[in-house]
N, C-alpha and C. Protein backbone atom coordinates (compact mmCIF):
# COMPACT_ATOMS: atom_id res chain seq x y z
N MET A 1 -3.47 0.39 -12.54
CA MET A 1 -2.05 0.62 -12.75
C MET A 1 -1.30 0.13 -11.47
N ASN A 2 -0.46 -0.91 -11.61
CA ASN A 2 0.42 -1.53 -10.51
C ASN A 2 1.60 -0.58 -10.24
N LYS A 3 1.64 0.22 -9.12
CA LYS A 3 2.79 0.99 -8.86
C LYS A 3 4.07 0.17 -8.06
N SER A 4 5.22 0.32 -8.36
CA SER A 4 6.47 -0.13 -7.73
C SER A 4 6.22 0.46 -6.30
N VAL A 5 6.95 -0.21 -5.23
CA VAL A 5 7.03 0.14 -3.91
C VAL A 5 7.35 1.57 -3.72
N ILE A 6 8.35 2.01 -4.31
CA ILE A 6 8.84 3.45 -3.93
C ILE A 6 8.09 4.63 -4.65
N GLU A 7 7.27 4.25 -5.60
CA GLU A 7 6.27 5.13 -6.21
C GLU A 7 5.19 5.70 -5.23
N LYS A 8 4.73 4.75 -4.34
CA LYS A 8 3.59 5.02 -3.46
C LYS A 8 3.99 6.01 -2.49
N GLU A 9 3.06 6.70 -2.12
CA GLU A 9 3.33 7.98 -1.22
C GLU A 9 3.45 7.48 0.26
N VAL A 10 2.63 6.31 0.73
CA VAL A 10 2.52 5.76 1.96
C VAL A 10 2.95 4.35 1.82
N LEU A 11 3.83 3.76 2.64
CA LEU A 11 4.22 2.35 2.53
C LEU A 11 3.98 1.53 3.71
N THR A 12 3.67 0.32 3.76
CA THR A 12 3.41 -0.56 4.85
C THR A 12 4.78 -0.98 5.41
N VAL A 13 4.88 -1.66 6.64
CA VAL A 13 6.18 -2.08 7.22
C VAL A 13 6.73 -3.02 6.13
N SER A 14 5.82 -3.89 5.59
CA SER A 14 6.48 -4.81 4.75
C SER A 14 7.25 -4.31 3.57
N GLN A 15 6.45 -3.26 2.97
CA GLN A 15 7.04 -2.73 1.75
C GLN A 15 8.26 -1.86 2.08
N VAL A 16 8.46 -1.29 3.24
CA VAL A 16 9.56 -0.60 3.79
C VAL A 16 10.77 -1.54 3.83
N ALA A 17 10.41 -2.79 4.55
CA ALA A 17 11.21 -3.96 4.77
C ALA A 17 11.93 -4.47 3.35
N ASP A 18 11.05 -4.61 2.41
CA ASP A 18 11.49 -4.97 1.12
C ASP A 18 12.41 -3.84 0.55
N TYR A 19 12.20 -2.70 0.64
CA TYR A 19 12.85 -1.53 -0.13
C TYR A 19 14.20 -1.39 0.65
N LEU A 20 14.30 -1.41 2.13
CA LEU A 20 15.62 -1.50 2.66
C LEU A 20 16.24 -2.85 2.82
N GLN A 21 15.61 -3.85 2.25
CA GLN A 21 16.35 -5.13 2.45
C GLN A 21 16.45 -5.49 3.69
N LEU A 22 15.57 -5.41 4.53
CA LEU A 22 15.54 -5.85 6.07
C LEU A 22 14.38 -6.80 6.21
N SER A 23 14.50 -7.65 7.30
CA SER A 23 13.42 -8.44 7.54
C SER A 23 12.18 -7.53 8.09
N GLU A 24 11.10 -8.17 7.98
CA GLU A 24 9.86 -7.52 8.53
C GLU A 24 9.98 -7.33 10.05
N MET A 25 10.50 -8.23 10.75
CA MET A 25 10.45 -8.25 12.12
C MET A 25 11.58 -6.85 12.61
N THR A 26 12.68 -6.86 11.88
CA THR A 26 13.70 -5.84 12.21
C THR A 26 13.03 -4.37 11.86
N THR A 27 12.38 -4.32 10.70
CA THR A 27 11.67 -2.96 10.32
C THR A 27 10.51 -2.72 11.30
N TYR A 28 9.75 -3.50 11.64
CA TYR A 28 8.59 -3.47 12.63
C TYR A 28 9.31 -2.89 13.96
N LYS A 29 10.45 -3.54 14.67
CA LYS A 29 10.99 -3.14 15.61
C LYS A 29 11.65 -1.58 15.50
N LEU A 30 12.15 -1.37 14.45
CA LEU A 30 12.67 0.24 14.36
C LEU A 30 11.61 0.99 14.22
N VAL A 31 10.49 0.60 13.57
CA VAL A 31 9.23 1.54 13.49
C VAL A 31 8.80 1.80 14.99
N GLN A 32 8.65 0.72 15.69
CA GLN A 32 8.11 0.82 17.12
C GLN A 32 8.93 1.59 18.01
N GLU A 33 10.20 1.56 17.81
CA GLU A 33 11.19 2.16 18.62
C GLU A 33 11.43 3.68 18.18
N GLY A 34 10.62 4.08 17.04
CA GLY A 34 10.69 5.49 16.55
C GLY A 34 11.79 5.73 15.72
N LYS A 35 12.74 4.84 15.45
CA LYS A 35 13.89 5.06 14.62
C LYS A 35 13.58 5.15 13.07
N ILE A 36 12.56 4.53 12.83
CA ILE A 36 11.88 4.82 11.40
C ILE A 36 10.69 5.58 11.53
N PRO A 37 10.46 6.84 10.93
CA PRO A 37 9.35 7.65 11.24
C PRO A 37 8.10 7.15 10.74
N ALA A 38 7.07 6.77 11.45
CA ALA A 38 5.98 6.20 11.08
C ALA A 38 4.66 6.65 11.80
N PHE A 39 3.52 6.39 11.31
CA PHE A 39 2.25 6.55 12.20
C PHE A 39 1.42 5.50 12.01
N LYS A 40 0.37 5.26 12.74
CA LYS A 40 -0.62 4.23 12.89
C LYS A 40 -1.81 4.80 12.27
N ILE A 41 -2.44 3.68 11.60
CA ILE A 41 -3.88 3.71 11.04
C ILE A 41 -4.44 2.53 11.45
N GLY A 42 -5.34 2.72 12.59
CA GLY A 42 -6.01 1.49 13.21
C GLY A 42 -4.78 0.81 13.97
N ARG A 43 -4.68 -0.52 13.66
CA ARG A 43 -3.57 -1.17 14.17
C ARG A 43 -2.35 -1.29 13.26
N SER A 44 -2.35 -0.71 12.14
CA SER A 44 -1.36 -0.86 11.16
C SER A 44 -0.46 0.27 11.04
N TRP A 45 0.93 0.04 10.97
CA TRP A 45 1.93 1.16 10.82
C TRP A 45 2.04 1.48 9.42
N ARG A 46 2.21 2.74 8.97
CA ARG A 46 2.38 3.15 7.81
C ARG A 46 3.78 4.18 7.79
N VAL A 47 4.40 4.28 6.73
CA VAL A 47 5.54 5.06 6.64
C VAL A 47 5.44 5.99 5.36
N LYS A 48 5.61 7.24 5.54
CA LYS A 48 5.57 8.20 4.49
C LYS A 48 6.92 8.03 3.63
N LYS A 49 6.66 7.92 2.26
CA LYS A 49 7.97 7.87 1.39
C LYS A 49 8.94 8.76 1.72
N ASP A 50 8.42 10.14 1.85
CA ASP A 50 9.27 11.24 1.99
C ASP A 50 10.05 11.08 3.34
N ASP A 51 9.29 10.75 4.28
CA ASP A 51 10.11 10.50 5.61
C ASP A 51 11.15 9.35 5.45
N LEU A 52 10.99 8.43 4.83
CA LEU A 52 12.04 7.28 4.55
C LEU A 52 12.98 7.68 3.81
N GLU A 53 12.84 8.62 2.76
CA GLU A 53 13.95 9.05 2.10
C GLU A 53 14.78 9.94 2.85
N GLU A 54 14.20 11.02 3.56
CA GLU A 54 15.00 11.79 4.44
C GLU A 54 15.73 10.92 5.45
N LEU A 55 15.26 9.98 5.90
CA LEU A 55 16.05 8.97 6.88
C LEU A 55 17.19 8.44 6.18
N ILE A 56 17.10 8.09 4.97
CA ILE A 56 18.21 7.34 4.19
C ILE A 56 19.19 8.38 3.99
N GLU A 57 18.74 9.72 3.61
CA GLU A 57 19.89 10.75 3.35
C GLU A 57 20.61 10.94 4.76
N ARG A 58 20.00 10.98 5.81
CA ARG A 58 20.65 11.27 7.00
C ARG A 58 21.69 10.10 7.34
N LEU A 59 21.13 8.97 7.02
CA LEU A 59 22.15 7.73 7.40
C LEU A 59 23.25 7.74 6.52
N LYS A 60 23.14 8.36 5.26
CA LYS A 60 24.16 8.36 4.25
C LYS A 60 25.18 9.32 4.70
N LYS A 61 24.66 10.33 5.56
CA LYS A 61 25.68 11.54 5.95
C LYS A 61 26.28 11.12 7.30
N GLY A 62 26.05 9.77 7.86
CA GLY A 62 26.65 9.21 9.04
C GLY A 62 26.01 9.27 10.24
N GLU A 63 24.60 9.75 10.11
CA GLU A 63 23.91 9.58 11.27
C GLU A 63 23.60 8.12 11.56
N SER A 64 23.38 7.86 12.87
CA SER A 64 22.85 6.54 13.15
C SER A 64 21.47 6.39 13.69
N LEU A 65 20.92 5.18 13.73
CA LEU A 65 19.57 5.13 13.92
C LEU A 65 19.54 5.18 15.47
C-alpha cells in the first residue's frame, strides 16, 4: 500500500520539504538548526509527523522559527 507523505508517522527531510513546499536545502538547514524538531538515525534526519503538525500549529498562532 502506497501511503501519501502525511500519512506516514516518520518523514524524511525530502518528504518534509515537499509537504512544506520548501527546498530540501532550506528544510535541511532548519532541521540542523533545531528549528524543525528532528532526530538522527545513522546519518539521516527524520521528523515525526506529530512534531511537524505541532510546529505548523505554533506558526499559525504567530510564533516564529
